[in-house]
Protein backbone atom coordinates (compact mmCIF):
# COMPACT_ATOMS: atom_id res chain seq x y z
CA MET A 1 -0.13 -0.27 0.06
CA ALA A 2 1.67 3.17 -1.43
CA LEU A 3 1.16 6.67 1.03
CA VAL A 4 -0.61 8.72 -0.54
CA ASN A 5 0.85 12.59 -0.70
CA VAL A 6 -2.33 14.33 0.47
CA TRP A 7 -2.11 15.92 3.49
CA HIS A 8 -5.36 18.26 5.57
CA LEU A 9 -3.55 21.39 7.90
CA ARG A 10 -4.93 20.75 11.34
CA LYS A 11 -4.76 23.03 14.82
CA VAL A 12 -4.43 21.81 17.51
CA ALA A 13 -4.86 23.45 21.63
CA GLU A 14 -2.17 25.38 22.69
CA ALA A 15 -1.68 22.88 25.69
CA SER A 16 -1.25 20.17 22.92
CA ALA A 17 1.87 21.99 20.76
CA LYS A 18 4.40 19.61 20.20
CA PRO A 19 7.55 20.77 18.33
CA CYS A 20 8.10 20.68 14.71
CA ASP A 21 9.26 17.68 13.37
CA ILE A 22 11.77 18.89 11.17
CA CYS A 23 13.30 22.48 13.55
CA TYR A 24 11.97 21.72 16.48
CA LYS A 25 10.41 25.40 17.24
CA PRO A 26 6.63 24.52 19.04
CA THR A 27 3.69 24.71 16.85
CA GLN A 28 0.10 24.07 16.74
CA SER A 29 0.03 23.36 13.16
CA VAL A 30 -0.68 19.39 12.35
CA LEU A 31 -0.46 17.83 8.82
CA ILE A 32 -2.85 14.99 8.69
CA THR A 33 -3.48 11.91 5.82
CA PRO A 34 -7.31 12.10 4.84
CA ASP A 35 -7.50 8.19 6.76
CA ASN A 36 -6.20 9.64 10.07
CA LYS A 37 -3.29 7.09 10.24
CA ASP A 38 -0.24 9.51 9.92
CA HIS A 39 0.75 13.17 10.69
CA PHE A 40 3.72 15.04 11.87
CA TYR A 41 4.08 18.84 13.44
CA THR A 42 5.38 21.19 11.32
CA CYS A 43 5.52 25.31 11.76
CA GLN A 44 4.14 28.03 9.67
CA GLY A 45 7.74 28.57 8.27
CA HIS A 46 7.88 25.45 6.33
CA LEU A 47 4.14 25.52 5.56
CA LYS A 48 5.24 29.07 3.51
CA ASP A 49 8.03 27.33 2.16
CA ARG A 50 6.85 26.61 -1.76
CA GLY A 51 9.38 23.53 -1.61
CA PHE A 52 8.04 21.44 0.98
CA ALA A 53 4.38 21.41 0.99
CA SER A 54 2.11 23.38 -1.67
CA PRO A 55 -2.01 23.92 -1.49
CA ILE A 56 -4.36 22.20 -3.37
CA ILE A 57 -6.41 24.32 -5.31
CA ASP A 58 -9.89 23.45 -6.06
CA GLU A 59 -10.88 25.68 -9.01
CA ALA A 60 -15.05 25.31 -8.46
CA ASP A 61 -14.09 27.13 -5.19
CA VAL A 62 -12.28 29.58 -6.46
CA ALA A 63 -14.71 30.18 -9.28
CA ALA A 64 -17.19 30.58 -7.17
CA LYS A 65 -15.81 32.88 -4.84
CA ALA A 66 -15.03 35.12 -7.87
CA LYS A 67 -18.73 35.30 -8.95
CA LYS A 68 -19.79 36.03 -5.57
CA GLU A 69 -17.15 38.73 -5.36
CA ALA A 70 -18.40 39.89 -8.43
CA MET A 71 -22.03 39.76 -7.77
CA ASP A 72 -21.33 41.73 -4.28
CA ARG A 73 -19.80 45.10 -6.55
CA GLU A 74 -22.86 44.72 -8.52
CA ILE A 75 -25.04 44.61 -5.60
CA GLU A 76 -22.98 48.10 -4.02
CA LEU A 77 -23.57 49.17 -7.82
CA VAL A 78 -26.89 49.38 -7.63
CA LYS A 79 -27.63 50.68 -4.25
CA LYS A 80 -25.69 53.25 -4.86
CA GLU A 81 -27.22 54.22 -8.02
CA TYR A 82 -30.86 53.84 -6.25
CA GLU A 83 -29.30 55.78 -3.03
CA GLU A 84 -28.63 59.00 -5.74
CA LYS A 85 -31.82 58.50 -7.44
CA ILE A 86 -33.93 58.82 -4.56
CA LYS A 87 -31.61 62.02 -3.16
CA LYS A 88 -32.18 63.32 -6.85
CA ARG A 89 -35.71 63.10 -6.52
CA LYS A 90 -35.96 64.47 -3.07
CA THR A 91 -34.08 67.46 -3.52
CA THR A 92 -35.83 68.21 -7.03
CA GLN A 93 -39.08 67.19 -4.32
CA ASP A 94 -38.26 70.03 -2.10
CA GLU A 95 -37.42 72.62 -4.71
CA LYS A 96 -40.64 71.98 -6.26
CA ASN A 97 -42.33 72.23 -2.87
CA LYS A 98 -40.57 75.47 -2.03
CA SER A 99 -41.11 77.18 -5.41
CA GLU A 100 -45.05 76.43 -4.54
CA LYS A 101 -44.49 77.83 -1.72
CA GLY A 102 -43.03 81.18 -2.71
CA LYS A 103 -45.80 81.45 -5.60
CA GLY A 104 -48.28 80.66 -3.94
CA SER A 105 -48.18 81.25 -0.13
CA ASP A 106 -51.50 83.07 -0.50
CA LYS A 107 -53.26 80.19 -2.28
CA ALA A 108 -52.26 77.73 0.35
CA GLU A 109 -53.19 80.01 3.31
CA ALA A 110 -56.52 80.45 1.36
CA GLU A 111 -56.95 77.12 0.36
CA ASP A 112 -55.89 76.03 4.66
CA LYS A 113 -58.58 78.71 5.43
CA LYS A 114 -61.12 77.05 3.55
CA SER A 115 -60.67 73.78 4.31
CA GLU A 116 -61.24 74.82 8.15
CA ASP A 117 -64.54 76.48 6.97
CA GLU A 118 -65.85 73.68 4.88
CA ALA A 119 -64.86 71.14 8.19
CA ALA A 120 -66.54 73.64 10.51
CA LYS A 121 -69.31 74.13 8.24
CA ALA A 122 -69.83 70.19 7.90
CA GLU A 123 -69.44 70.12 11.59
CA ARG A 124 -72.37 72.06 12.17
CA GLU A 125 -74.90 70.37 9.32
CA GLN A 126 -74.10 67.40 11.24
CA ASP A 127 -75.16 68.83 14.27
CA GLU A 128 -77.90 70.14 12.78
CA LYS A 129 -79.18 66.69 11.79
CA VAL A 130 -78.45 65.55 15.40
CA PHE A 131 -80.58 67.86 17.25
CA ALA A 132 -83.18 67.68 14.72
CA THR A 133 -83.61 64.09 14.77
CA TYR A 134 -83.77 64.00 18.63
CA GLY A 135 -85.34 67.60 19.37
CA ILE A 136 -83.16 68.80 20.78
CA ARG A 137 -82.74 72.49 20.63
CA ARG A 138 -79.31 74.11 20.01
CA PRO A 139 -77.04 75.05 22.89
CA CYS A 140 -76.14 78.78 23.42
CA VAL A 141 -72.91 79.72 24.50
CA VAL A 142 -72.52 83.06 25.79
CA ASP A 143 -68.92 84.34 26.33
CA HIS A 144 -68.64 86.44 29.98
CA PRO A 145 -66.12 88.91 30.01
CA THR A 146 -63.58 87.72 34.04
CA ASP A 147 -64.58 91.73 34.79
CA GLN A 148 -68.22 91.58 36.36
CA SER A 149 -68.03 95.68 36.57
CA ASP A 150 -68.09 96.10 32.22
CA TYR A 151 -70.49 93.00 32.21
CA GLN A 152 -74.36 94.01 31.27
CA GLU A 153 -77.34 91.79 30.90
CA PRO A 154 -78.11 90.44 26.89
CA LYS A 155 -81.52 91.67 26.28
CA SER A 156 -82.00 88.77 23.66
CA ILE A 157 -79.88 85.69 22.90
CA THR A 158 -80.36 84.29 19.38
CA CYS A 159 -78.92 81.45 18.71
CA ASP A 160 -77.99 79.61 14.73
């Protein structure tokens, strides 16, 4: 039976560290066969030596890693474009709102007052319907001044 020249690199605990089989420096790196029958300790210096050992490169893993990196770059590019588009849209919308406010600030105030008047009118109409349905008279509210010396009793009060 021939020894296959394929070794896997494993790390051991620091307490289990032994000297390198070649230079006798303490190391945690162990090269072991795939069937776990043989092993030897080697230091990092020997693992980096191309004359001693060279890694087996899996082409499929390299291709998958390159594809993943390309996808990540493309995703980042799309994210940046989207953020720029959102910023541009927001700035144009802000500019549009500012120009509308500058041109039609009176219009905006008039529209606000009109909507308030319409809301008050709608509430009054709803109250009238409720009062008419249940036969309730509309309540009258009379504001009394805080200073009683100026207060004069009204002769007649009319309610809308």
